[in-house]
Amino acid sequence: MSKKLVLAMGLVGLVAACQQPQPQPLPEPMVVAPEPVFQGKYGAN
């Protein structure tokens, strides 16, 4: 029984190793926002 289990697990591993790799999605570029300008203690007054 255990020999069949080992053979089955090896076969599954072999099939998984031989599959074509999935293409990796390209990361989206990060949007850089401008740094807020200090406008005094109470804003733009």
N, C-alpha and C. Protein backbone atom coordinates (compact mmCIF):
# COMPACT_ATOMS: atom_id res chain seq x y z
N MET A 1 0.83 -1.20 0.00
CA MET A 1 0.00 0.00 0.00
C MET A 1 0.87 1.26 0.00
N SER A 2 1.91 1.26 0.83
CA SER A 2 2.74 2.46 0.92
C SER A 2 3.57 2.66 -0.36
N LYS A 3 3.93 1.57 -1.04
CA LYS A 3 4.66 1.71 -2.29
C LYS A 3 3.81 2.39 -3.35
N LYS A 4 2.52 2.08 -3.38
CA LYS A 4 1.62 2.73 -4.33
C LYS A 4 1.48 4.21 -4.00
N LEU A 5 1.42 4.51 -2.71
CA LEU A 5 1.30 5.91 -2.29
C LEU A 5 2.55 6.69 -2.67
N VAL A 6 3.71 6.12 -2.45
CA VAL A 6 4.97 6.79 -2.82
C VAL A 6 5.05 6.97 -4.32
N LEU A 7 4.66 5.97 -5.07
CA LEU A 7 4.68 6.07 -6.53
C LEU A 7 3.71 7.15 -7.02
N ALA A 8 2.53 7.20 -6.43
CA ALA A 8 1.55 8.21 -6.82
C ALA A 8 2.03 9.62 -6.50
N MET A 9 2.63 9.80 -5.31
CA MET A 9 3.14 11.12 -4.94
C MET A 9 4.30 11.54 -5.84
N GLY A 10 5.16 10.59 -6.20
CA GLY A 10 6.25 10.89 -7.12
C GLY A 10 5.75 11.28 -8.49
N LEU A 11 4.72 10.59 -8.96
CA LEU A 11 4.14 10.91 -10.26
C LEU A 11 3.51 12.30 -10.25
N VAL A 12 2.81 12.62 -9.18
CA VAL A 12 2.21 13.95 -9.06
C VAL A 12 3.30 15.03 -9.03
N GLY A 13 4.37 14.78 -8.30
CA GLY A 13 5.48 15.73 -8.26
C GLY A 13 6.15 15.91 -9.61
N LEU A 14 6.29 14.81 -10.34
CA LEU A 14 6.90 14.88 -11.67
C LEU A 14 6.04 15.68 -12.64
N VAL A 15 4.75 15.45 -12.60
CA VAL A 15 3.83 16.19 -13.48
C VAL A 15 3.85 17.67 -13.12
N ALA A 16 3.86 17.98 -11.83
CA ALA A 16 3.87 19.38 -11.41
C ALA A 16 5.17 20.07 -11.82
N ALA A 17 6.28 19.35 -11.76
CA ALA A 17 7.58 19.94 -12.11
C ALA A 17 7.72 20.17 -13.61
N CYS A 18 7.03 19.39 -14.43
CA CYS A 18 7.17 19.49 -15.88
C CYS A 18 6.19 20.47 -16.52
N GLN A 19 5.29 21.04 -15.76
CA GLN A 19 4.33 21.97 -16.35
C GLN A 19 5.01 23.27 -16.73
N GLN A 20 4.42 23.98 -17.70
CA GLN A 20 4.93 25.26 -18.12
C GLN A 20 4.68 26.28 -17.00
N PRO A 21 5.67 27.12 -16.69
CA PRO A 21 5.46 28.14 -15.65
C PRO A 21 4.47 29.19 -16.12
N GLN A 22 3.66 29.65 -15.20
CA GLN A 22 2.69 30.70 -15.52
C GLN A 22 3.42 32.03 -15.64
N PRO A 23 3.04 32.88 -16.60
CA PRO A 23 3.71 34.18 -16.73
C PRO A 23 3.39 35.06 -15.52
N GLN A 24 4.42 35.73 -15.02
CA GLN A 24 4.24 36.59 -13.86
C GLN A 24 3.67 37.93 -14.32
N PRO A 25 2.63 38.42 -13.64
CA PRO A 25 2.10 39.74 -14.02
C PRO A 25 3.10 40.84 -13.65
N LEU A 26 3.20 41.83 -14.52
CA LEU A 26 4.13 42.93 -14.26
C LEU A 26 3.56 43.83 -13.16
N PRO A 27 4.38 44.24 -12.21
CA PRO A 27 3.87 45.13 -11.16
C PRO A 27 3.55 46.49 -11.75
N GLU A 28 2.46 47.08 -11.26
CA GLU A 28 2.05 48.40 -11.75
C GLU A 28 2.98 49.46 -11.17
N PRO A 29 3.33 50.45 -11.97
CA PRO A 29 4.21 51.50 -11.45
C PRO A 29 3.50 52.30 -10.35
N MET A 30 4.26 52.67 -9.33
CA MET A 30 3.68 53.41 -8.21
C MET A 30 3.51 54.87 -8.61
N VAL A 31 2.38 55.44 -8.23
CA VAL A 31 2.12 56.85 -8.50
C VAL A 31 2.68 57.66 -7.33
N VAL A 32 3.54 58.61 -7.65
CA VAL A 32 4.17 59.42 -6.61
C VAL A 32 3.42 60.74 -6.52
N ALA A 33 2.88 61.02 -5.34
CA ALA A 33 2.16 62.27 -5.12
C ALA A 33 3.15 63.31 -4.59
N PRO A 34 2.95 64.57 -4.95
CA PRO A 34 3.85 65.61 -4.41
C PRO A 34 3.66 65.76 -2.91
N GLU A 35 4.75 66.12 -2.25
CA GLU A 35 4.70 66.29 -0.80
C GLU A 35 3.91 67.55 -0.47
N PRO A 36 3.00 67.48 0.51
CA PRO A 36 2.24 68.69 0.87
C PRO A 36 3.16 69.77 1.44
N VAL A 37 2.84 71.02 1.09
CA VAL A 37 3.65 72.15 1.52
C VAL A 37 3.07 72.68 2.83
N PHE A 38 3.94 72.95 3.80
CA PHE A 38 3.49 73.50 5.08
C PHE A 38 2.94 74.89 4.85
N GLN A 39 1.70 75.12 5.33
CA GLN A 39 1.04 76.40 5.10
C GLN A 39 0.80 77.16 6.41
N GLY A 40 1.56 76.88 7.39
CA GLY A 40 1.40 77.57 8.66
C GLY A 40 0.57 76.74 9.62
N LYS A 41 0.45 77.23 10.84
CA LYS A 41 -0.22 76.49 11.89
C LYS A 41 -1.70 76.29 11.59
N TYR A 42 -2.35 77.27 10.99
CA TYR A 42 -3.81 77.20 10.78
C TYR A 42 -4.18 77.13 9.31
N GLY A 43 -3.32 76.66 8.47
CA GLY A 43 -3.64 76.52 7.06
C GLY A 43 -3.17 77.72 6.26
N ALA A 44 -3.92 78.08 5.22
CA ALA A 44 -3.50 79.13 4.29
C ALA A 44 -4.00 80.50 4.70
N ASN A 45 -4.16 80.78 5.97
CA ASN A 45 -4.64 82.11 6.40
C ASN A 45 -3.53 83.10 6.38
